[in-house]
Amino acid sequence: MAQDSGADPARRASDRGRYGRLSRERVLAAALELVDREGLSTLSMRRLGAELGVEAMALYRYASSKDALLDGLVEALYLELEDRLGAEPENAASTEKAWRGELHRIARAMYEVCLAHPRAVPLLSTRMLAVPLVRRPPAVLKEHERVLALLREAGLDEAATSAVFRAFTAWLLGYVSVELRPMVDNPEETDPAFRLGLHRLSPQELPTLRETAAALADPGGPEGLAAGLDALLDRFTRGEG
């Protein structure tokens, strides 16, 4: 996660919580842990302050508002993506074109981040709808730059780069959103049909959905993500170098 930028010796005593001196990194880590455990609806300055053992007011120097805190969670997810990418070797030995293999690596790493923090994933869409491009967290902009640079490296012009970037982003976030949709109606039921609640679906009105529901309940996994990404790239880059 981000380096501790809050080494201010003049901090007030209220900045000392049960986990020691606060920092933006610690605040965001605690917020993400809270969301992972209890969901986005439980996140508030007061609840986060209680988690850290400080008054809610002590948190406003690290996140000036609830929206800023939510943007900080998006930042935390992208910083984790950076960490994962930094811990893995690039696809130098891949038989694919280097730029294409790197796009696959980015998509796979983001998929893993999202599966590790499913309750925070909605923020990747909702906060992007609320925050203009230039005001997004630096880690988000850095990832935009990484993907765009790879596409230009592939020889795409500005228009094609923009189109593929949008399609890449839409496919990745859309795929993850579908993967994370709940499908199980009764987790304690051992019979697969009753576990999924298929008896609740009308065989007259929803025959195809009822027939396909069991297959939809099986995650597509990273293999499905990669297959869709290949199809997308083939569509947009056919004939490119």
Protein backbone atom coordinates (compact mmCIF):
# COMPACT_ATOMS: atom_id res chain seq x y z
CA MET A 1 0.00 0.00 0.00
CA ALA A 2 1.06 3.64 -0.14
CA GLN A 3 3.99 4.79 1.87
CA ASP A 4 3.24 6.48 5.17
CA SER A 5 3.10 10.13 4.26
CA GLY A 6 2.05 11.24 7.74
CA ALA A 7 5.29 11.47 9.65
CA ASP A 8 4.21 14.78 11.18
CA PRO A 9 5.67 15.01 14.72
CA ALA A 10 3.10 17.66 15.62
CA ARG A 11 0.17 15.29 15.46
CA ARG A 12 -2.35 15.54 18.25
CA ALA A 13 -2.76 12.91 20.92
CA SER A 14 -6.13 12.06 19.35
CA ASP A 15 -4.19 10.63 16.41
CA ARG A 16 -2.95 7.79 18.58
CA GLY A 17 -5.30 4.81 18.42
CA ARG A 18 -5.17 1.34 19.81
CA TYR A 19 -2.85 0.37 16.95
CA GLY A 20 -0.39 3.21 17.56
CA ARG A 21 0.16 6.42 15.61
CA LEU A 22 -2.25 6.85 12.73
CA SER A 23 -1.30 7.34 9.11
CA ARG A 24 -3.25 7.46 5.87
CA GLU A 25 -1.98 3.98 5.07
CA ARG A 26 -3.22 2.60 8.38
CA VAL A 27 -6.59 4.34 8.11
CA LEU A 28 -7.21 2.98 4.61
CA ALA A 29 -6.04 -0.50 5.59
CA ALA A 30 -8.43 -0.52 8.54
CA ALA A 31 -11.27 0.76 6.35
CA LEU A 32 -10.67 -1.98 3.80
CA GLU A 33 -10.53 -4.64 6.50
CA LEU A 34 -13.82 -3.36 7.91
CA VAL A 35 -15.50 -3.44 4.49
CA ASP A 36 -14.10 -6.92 3.79
CA ARG A 37 -15.56 -8.15 7.05
CA GLU A 38 -18.86 -6.28 7.35
CA GLY A 39 -19.63 -4.63 3.99
CA LEU A 40 -19.72 -1.10 2.62
CA SER A 41 -22.94 -0.20 4.41
CA THR A 42 -21.16 -0.37 7.79
CA LEU A 43 -18.40 2.06 6.85
CA SER A 44 -18.60 5.46 8.50
CA MET A 45 -16.09 7.77 10.15
CA ARG A 46 -17.53 6.89 13.55
CA ARG A 47 -17.40 3.14 12.93
CA LEU A 48 -13.87 3.36 11.51
CA GLY A 49 -12.76 5.50 14.45
CA ALA A 50 -14.09 2.86 16.82
CA GLU A 51 -12.19 0.23 14.85
CA LEU A 52 -8.95 2.19 15.26
CA GLY A 53 -9.67 3.29 18.82
CA VAL A 54 -9.82 7.03 18.10
CA GLU A 55 -12.48 9.71 17.82
CA ALA A 56 -14.03 10.06 14.37
CA MET A 57 -12.72 13.63 14.13
CA ALA A 58 -9.15 12.32 14.22
CA LEU A 59 -9.71 10.66 10.84
CA TYR A 60 -10.60 13.78 8.88
CA ARG A 61 -6.97 14.76 8.34
CA TYR A 62 -6.51 11.47 6.46
CA ALA A 63 -9.84 11.52 4.61
CA SER A 64 -11.69 14.82 4.50
CA SER A 65 -15.13 13.26 3.93
CA LYS A 66 -16.93 9.98 3.49
CA ASP A 67 -16.49 10.29 -0.28
CA ALA A 68 -12.76 10.87 0.19
CA LEU A 69 -12.63 7.75 2.31
CA LEU A 70 -14.37 5.75 -0.42
CA ASP A 71 -11.93 7.12 -2.98
CA GLY A 72 -9.18 6.03 -0.61
CA LEU A 73 -10.53 2.47 -0.71
CA VAL A 74 -10.34 2.54 -4.51
CA GLU A 75 -6.77 3.76 -4.13
CA ALA A 76 -6.03 0.89 -1.76
CA LEU A 77 -7.31 -1.66 -4.28
CA TYR A 78 -5.15 -0.22 -7.05
CA LEU A 79 -2.12 -0.08 -4.77
CA GLU A 80 -2.65 -3.75 -4.04
CA LEU A 81 -2.78 -4.30 -7.79
CA GLU A 82 0.59 -2.53 -8.10
CA ASP A 83 1.99 -4.74 -5.36
CA ARG A 84 0.80 -7.89 -7.10
CA LEU A 85 2.22 -6.79 -10.44
CA GLY A 86 5.50 -5.85 -8.83
CA ALA A 87 5.77 -9.25 -7.16
CA GLU A 88 5.33 -11.15 -10.43
CA PRO A 89 7.73 -11.29 -13.37
CA GLU A 90 6.56 -9.75 -16.62
CA ASN A 91 5.68 -12.06 -19.48
CA ALA A 92 9.13 -11.88 -21.08
CA ALA A 93 9.11 -15.60 -21.91
CA SER A 94 5.54 -15.58 -23.23
CA THR A 95 4.93 -16.67 -26.79
CA GLU A 96 2.40 -13.84 -27.06
CA LYS A 97 3.39 -10.36 -28.10
CA ALA A 98 4.85 -8.69 -25.02
CA TRP A 99 2.14 -6.02 -24.80
CA ARG A 100 -0.64 -8.57 -25.09
CA GLY A 101 0.85 -10.84 -22.46
CA GLU A 102 1.20 -7.87 -20.13
CA LEU A 103 -2.47 -6.95 -20.58
CA HIS A 104 -3.34 -10.51 -19.58
CA ARG A 105 -1.11 -10.19 -16.51
CA ILE A 106 -2.80 -6.94 -15.47
CA ALA A 107 -6.27 -8.41 -15.96
CA ARG A 108 -5.42 -11.53 -13.96
CA ALA A 109 -3.92 -9.49 -11.11
CA MET A 110 -6.95 -7.18 -10.96
CA TYR A 111 -9.23 -10.21 -10.97
CA GLU A 112 -7.34 -11.58 -7.96
CA VAL A 113 -7.55 -8.25 -6.12
CA CYS A 114 -11.31 -8.13 -6.68
CA LEU A 115 -11.85 -11.68 -5.48
CA ALA A 116 -9.81 -10.87 -2.37
CA HIS A 117 -12.03 -7.83 -1.62
CA PRO A 118 -15.45 -8.60 -3.14
CA ARG A 119 -17.38 -6.22 -0.91
CA ALA A 120 -15.28 -3.27 -2.05
CA VAL A 121 -15.58 -4.06 -5.77
CA PRO A 122 -18.73 -1.91 -6.35
CA LEU A 123 -16.59 1.16 -5.63
CA LEU A 124 -14.57 0.50 -8.78
CA SER A 125 -17.69 1.50 -10.72
CA THR A 126 -19.56 3.89 -8.44
CA ARG A 127 -16.61 6.11 -7.54
CA MET A 128 -15.43 6.23 -11.16
CA LEU A 129 -18.88 7.56 -12.03
CA ALA A 130 -18.55 10.27 -9.39
CA VAL A 131 -14.94 11.40 -9.80
CA PRO A 132 -13.54 13.18 -12.89
CA LEU A 133 -10.51 11.59 -14.52
CA VAL A 134 -7.89 14.03 -13.22
CA ARG A 135 -9.16 13.75 -9.63
CA ARG A 136 -8.88 9.99 -9.41
CA PRO A 137 -6.25 8.62 -7.03
CA PRO A 138 -2.69 8.57 -8.43
CA ALA A 139 -2.60 4.76 -8.31
CA VAL A 140 -5.66 4.64 -10.58
CA LEU A 141 -4.16 7.10 -13.04
CA LYS A 142 -0.90 5.17 -13.04
CA GLU A 143 -2.78 2.03 -14.05
CA HIS A 144 -4.63 3.90 -16.80
CA GLU A 145 -1.25 5.08 -18.07
CA ARG A 146 0.18 1.56 -17.94
CA VAL A 147 -2.60 0.09 -20.08
CA LEU A 148 -2.68 2.99 -22.55
CA ALA A 149 1.10 2.82 -23.01
CA LEU A 150 0.90 -0.90 -23.75
CA LEU A 151 -1.71 -0.28 -26.42
CA ARG A 152 0.39 2.43 -28.05
CA GLU A 153 3.34 0.01 -27.90
CA ALA A 154 1.17 -2.39 -29.91
CA GLY A 155 1.10 0.18 -32.69
CA LEU A 156 -2.48 1.35 -32.22
CA ASP A 157 -3.32 4.92 -33.09
CA GLU A 158 -5.05 7.26 -30.65
CA ALA A 159 -8.59 6.31 -31.68
CA ALA A 160 -7.92 2.58 -31.53
CA THR A 161 -6.07 2.93 -28.22
CA SER A 162 -9.07 4.70 -26.72
CA ALA A 163 -11.49 2.08 -28.03
CA VAL A 164 -9.46 -0.87 -26.76
CA PHE A 165 -8.83 0.79 -23.40
CA ARG A 166 -12.57 1.24 -22.89
CA ALA A 167 -13.32 -2.31 -24.01
CA PHE A 168 -10.56 -3.75 -21.81
CA THR A 169 -11.81 -1.87 -18.76
CA ALA A 170 -15.45 -2.76 -19.43
CA TRP A 171 -14.67 -6.45 -19.94
CA LEU A 172 -12.52 -6.71 -16.81
CA LEU A 173 -14.93 -4.97 -14.45
CA GLY A 174 -17.99 -6.55 -16.06
CA TYR A 175 -16.52 -10.04 -15.84
CA VAL A 176 -15.62 -9.60 -12.19
CA SER A 177 -19.08 -8.24 -11.40
CA VAL A 178 -20.73 -11.29 -12.96
CA GLU A 179 -18.32 -13.64 -11.14
CA LEU A 180 -19.22 -12.09 -7.81
CA ARG A 181 -23.00 -12.14 -8.20
CA PRO A 182 -24.55 -14.40 -5.54
CA MET A 183 -26.19 -17.50 -7.00
CA VAL A 184 -26.81 -19.73 -3.98
CA ASP A 185 -30.28 -19.49 -2.45
CA ASN A 186 -29.76 -21.87 0.48
CA PRO A 187 -26.11 -22.63 1.41
CA GLU A 188 -27.16 -25.39 3.81
CA GLU A 189 -29.03 -27.36 1.15
CA THR A 190 -27.07 -30.31 -0.27
CA ASP A 191 -29.19 -30.91 -3.36
CA PRO A 192 -27.76 -28.68 -6.13
CA ALA A 193 -31.15 -27.69 -7.54
CA PHE A 194 -32.55 -26.69 -4.15
CA ARG A 195 -29.24 -25.11 -3.18
CA LEU A 196 -29.65 -22.74 -6.12
CA GLY A 197 -33.38 -22.37 -5.51
CA LEU A 198 -34.35 -23.51 -9.01
CA HIS A 199 -37.79 -24.46 -7.72
CA ARG A 200 -38.44 -20.72 -7.39
CA LEU A 201 -38.01 -20.19 -11.14
CA SER A 202 -41.04 -20.80 -13.31
CA PRO A 203 -40.37 -23.54 -15.89
CA GLN A 204 -43.05 -21.97 -18.10
CA GLU A 205 -41.88 -18.35 -18.00
CA LEU A 206 -38.13 -18.85 -17.48
CA PRO A 207 -37.24 -22.20 -19.04
CA THR A 208 -33.86 -21.19 -20.45
CA LEU A 209 -32.75 -19.42 -17.29
CA ARG A 210 -33.81 -22.37 -15.17
CA GLU A 211 -31.97 -24.79 -17.43
CA THR A 212 -28.80 -22.68 -17.53
CA ALA A 213 -28.69 -21.52 -13.90
CA ALA A 214 -26.49 -24.39 -12.71
CA ALA A 215 -23.88 -23.60 -15.36
CA LEU A 216 -24.08 -19.89 -14.54
CA ALA A 217 -23.41 -20.71 -10.90
CA ASP A 218 -20.00 -22.16 -11.78
CA PRO A 219 -17.43 -19.33 -11.89
CA GLY A 220 -15.74 -18.78 -15.21
CA GLY A 221 -12.46 -18.26 -13.36
CA PRO A 222 -9.30 -16.75 -14.78
CA GLU A 223 -9.62 -18.99 -17.83
CA GLY A 224 -12.89 -17.34 -18.81
CA LEU A 225 -11.40 -13.92 -18.18
CA ALA A 226 -8.45 -14.72 -20.47
CA ALA A 227 -10.61 -16.22 -23.22
CA GLY A 228 -12.85 -13.16 -23.32
CA LEU A 229 -9.87 -10.82 -23.30
CA ASP A 230 -8.30 -12.68 -26.22
CA ALA A 231 -11.54 -12.43 -28.18
CA LEU A 232 -11.75 -8.72 -27.45
CA LEU A 233 -8.15 -8.06 -28.46
CA ASP A 234 -8.53 -10.13 -31.61
CA ARG A 235 -11.56 -8.08 -32.58
CA PHE A 236 -9.87 -4.71 -32.08
CA THR A 237 -6.31 -5.47 -33.15
CA ARG A 238 -6.73 -7.83 -36.09
CA GLY A 239 -4.07 -6.97 -38.61
CA GLU A 240 -2.06 -4.87 -36.15
CA GLY A 241 1.59 -5.51 -35.39
